Amino acid sequence: MSDTALSLTPTLVAMLALAAGTFLLRLSGPALRARFRLPERAEKLLEVSAVLLLAALAATSALTDDHAFTGPARPLGVLAGGVLAWRRAPFLAVVLAAAGTTALLRLAGVP
């Protein structure tokens, strides 16, 4: 056997183990949902926390790049897309408006 084949084997085993673990973790949610009942307040908090986590991720991505502020063009593009999404515009229109707003602002010299 060559050195490449030997070095790929642990990597392949690790990938298969992680894939199986991910599958089992995802399967455990619906399986355990039928057995356990959370209090209504806990369910509401979980729903709110998921939305807050997504909002924090979006804000971090929109406002920072390489640990520095991106400038106003990207957040304004995200704002334009967010307004269209809030108004229930089609997804393609939301993406094109966000990208177009950012591109036009940068073309105009806004960082």
Protein backbone atom coordinates (compact mmCIF):
# COMPACT_ATOMS: atom_id res chain seq x y z
CA MET A 1 0.00 0.00 0.00
CA SER A 2 1.18 3.50 -0.69
CA ASP A 3 1.58 6.23 1.93
CA THR A 4 -1.38 8.12 0.49
CA ALA A 5 -3.74 5.19 0.96
CA LEU A 6 -2.61 4.76 4.56
CA SER A 7 -3.04 8.44 5.39
CA LEU A 8 -6.53 8.56 3.84
CA THR A 9 -7.86 5.67 5.91
CA PRO A 10 -8.00 7.53 9.27
CA THR A 11 -9.49 10.54 7.51
CA LEU A 12 -12.16 8.40 5.89
CA VAL A 13 -12.95 6.68 9.18
CA ALA A 14 -13.24 10.05 10.92
CA MET A 15 -15.53 11.38 8.19
CA LEU A 16 -17.79 8.33 8.38
CA ALA A 17 -17.92 8.53 12.18
CA LEU A 18 -18.84 12.23 12.06
CA ALA A 19 -21.48 11.57 9.41
CA ALA A 20 -23.02 8.78 11.50
CA GLY A 21 -22.93 10.96 14.62
CA THR A 22 -24.60 13.83 12.80
CA PHE A 23 -27.29 11.52 11.46
CA LEU A 24 -27.97 10.04 14.90
CA LEU A 25 -28.08 13.47 16.51
CA ARG A 26 -30.59 14.69 13.94
CA LEU A 27 -32.63 11.52 14.34
CA SER A 28 -32.71 11.88 18.12
CA GLY A 29 -34.67 15.15 17.94
CA PRO A 30 -37.90 13.72 16.48
CA ALA A 31 -37.45 10.47 18.43
CA LEU A 32 -37.13 12.21 21.79
CA ARG A 33 -39.75 14.85 21.01
CA ALA A 34 -42.49 12.25 21.42
CA ARG A 35 -41.14 11.14 24.82
CA PHE A 36 -40.39 14.46 26.50
CA ARG A 37 -42.62 17.47 26.88
CA LEU A 38 -41.06 20.82 27.69
CA PRO A 39 -43.02 23.44 29.58
CA GLU A 40 -44.69 26.01 27.32
CA ARG A 41 -42.41 28.79 28.60
CA ALA A 42 -39.30 26.76 27.73
CA GLU A 43 -40.62 26.11 24.22
CA LYS A 44 -41.24 29.84 23.70
CA LEU A 45 -37.74 30.65 24.97
CA LEU A 46 -36.22 28.10 22.58
CA GLU A 47 -38.10 29.63 19.64
CA VAL A 48 -37.00 33.15 20.58
CA SER A 49 -33.40 32.03 21.15
CA ALA A 50 -33.23 30.46 17.68
CA VAL A 51 -34.41 33.72 16.09
CA LEU A 52 -31.97 35.76 18.17
CA LEU A 53 -29.08 33.49 17.25
CA LEU A 54 -29.90 33.83 13.56
CA ALA A 55 -30.21 37.61 13.91
CA ALA A 56 -26.85 37.81 15.69
CA LEU A 57 -25.21 35.75 12.95
CA ALA A 58 -26.72 37.98 10.26
CA ALA A 59 -25.63 41.15 12.08
CA THR A 60 -22.10 39.87 12.57
CA SER A 61 -21.83 38.89 8.91
CA ALA A 62 -23.30 42.18 7.71
CA LEU A 63 -21.30 44.50 9.93
CA THR A 64 -17.85 42.95 10.23
CA ASP A 65 -15.18 41.63 7.93
CA ASP A 66 -11.84 40.42 9.28
CA HIS A 67 -12.63 41.81 12.76
CA ALA A 68 -13.30 45.32 11.45
CA PHE A 69 -16.36 47.32 10.43
CA THR A 70 -17.23 46.75 6.78
CA GLY A 71 -18.40 50.29 6.09
CA PRO A 72 -21.98 51.37 5.43
CA ALA A 73 -22.47 49.77 1.97
CA ARG A 74 -22.92 46.17 3.12
CA PRO A 75 -25.27 46.93 6.06
CA LEU A 76 -27.38 49.16 3.81
CA GLY A 77 -27.60 46.34 1.26
CA VAL A 78 -28.66 43.93 3.99
CA LEU A 79 -31.21 46.49 5.18
CA ALA A 80 -32.64 46.78 1.64
CA GLY A 81 -32.92 43.00 1.39
CA GLY A 82 -34.41 42.79 4.88
CA VAL A 83 -37.11 45.33 4.05
CA LEU A 84 -38.06 43.40 0.92
CA ALA A 85 -38.07 40.11 2.83
CA TRP A 86 -40.27 41.68 5.49
CA ARG A 87 -42.63 42.83 2.73
CA ARG A 88 -42.67 39.18 1.50
CA ALA A 89 -40.93 39.82 -1.80
CA PRO A 90 -39.69 36.79 -3.75
CA PHE A 91 -36.36 35.43 -2.55
CA LEU A 92 -34.59 36.22 -5.83
CA ALA A 93 -35.75 39.85 -5.62
CA VAL A 94 -34.47 40.08 -2.03
CA VAL A 95 -31.03 38.75 -2.95
CA LEU A 96 -30.73 40.88 -6.09
CA ALA A 97 -31.83 44.03 -4.26
CA ALA A 98 -29.35 43.46 -1.42
CA ALA A 99 -26.47 42.72 -3.77
CA GLY A 100 -27.44 45.53 -6.15
CA THR A 101 -27.73 48.10 -3.37
CA THR A 102 -24.33 47.16 -2.00
CA ALA A 103 -22.76 47.17 -5.47
CA LEU A 104 -24.23 50.54 -6.43
CA LEU A 105 -23.12 52.11 -3.16
CA ARG A 106 -19.60 50.79 -3.60
CA LEU A 107 -19.59 51.98 -7.19
CA ALA A 108 -20.54 55.42 -5.89
CA GLY A 109 -17.52 55.33 -3.58
CA VAL A 110 -19.21 54.37 -0.32
CA PRO A 111 -16.92 51.91 1.52
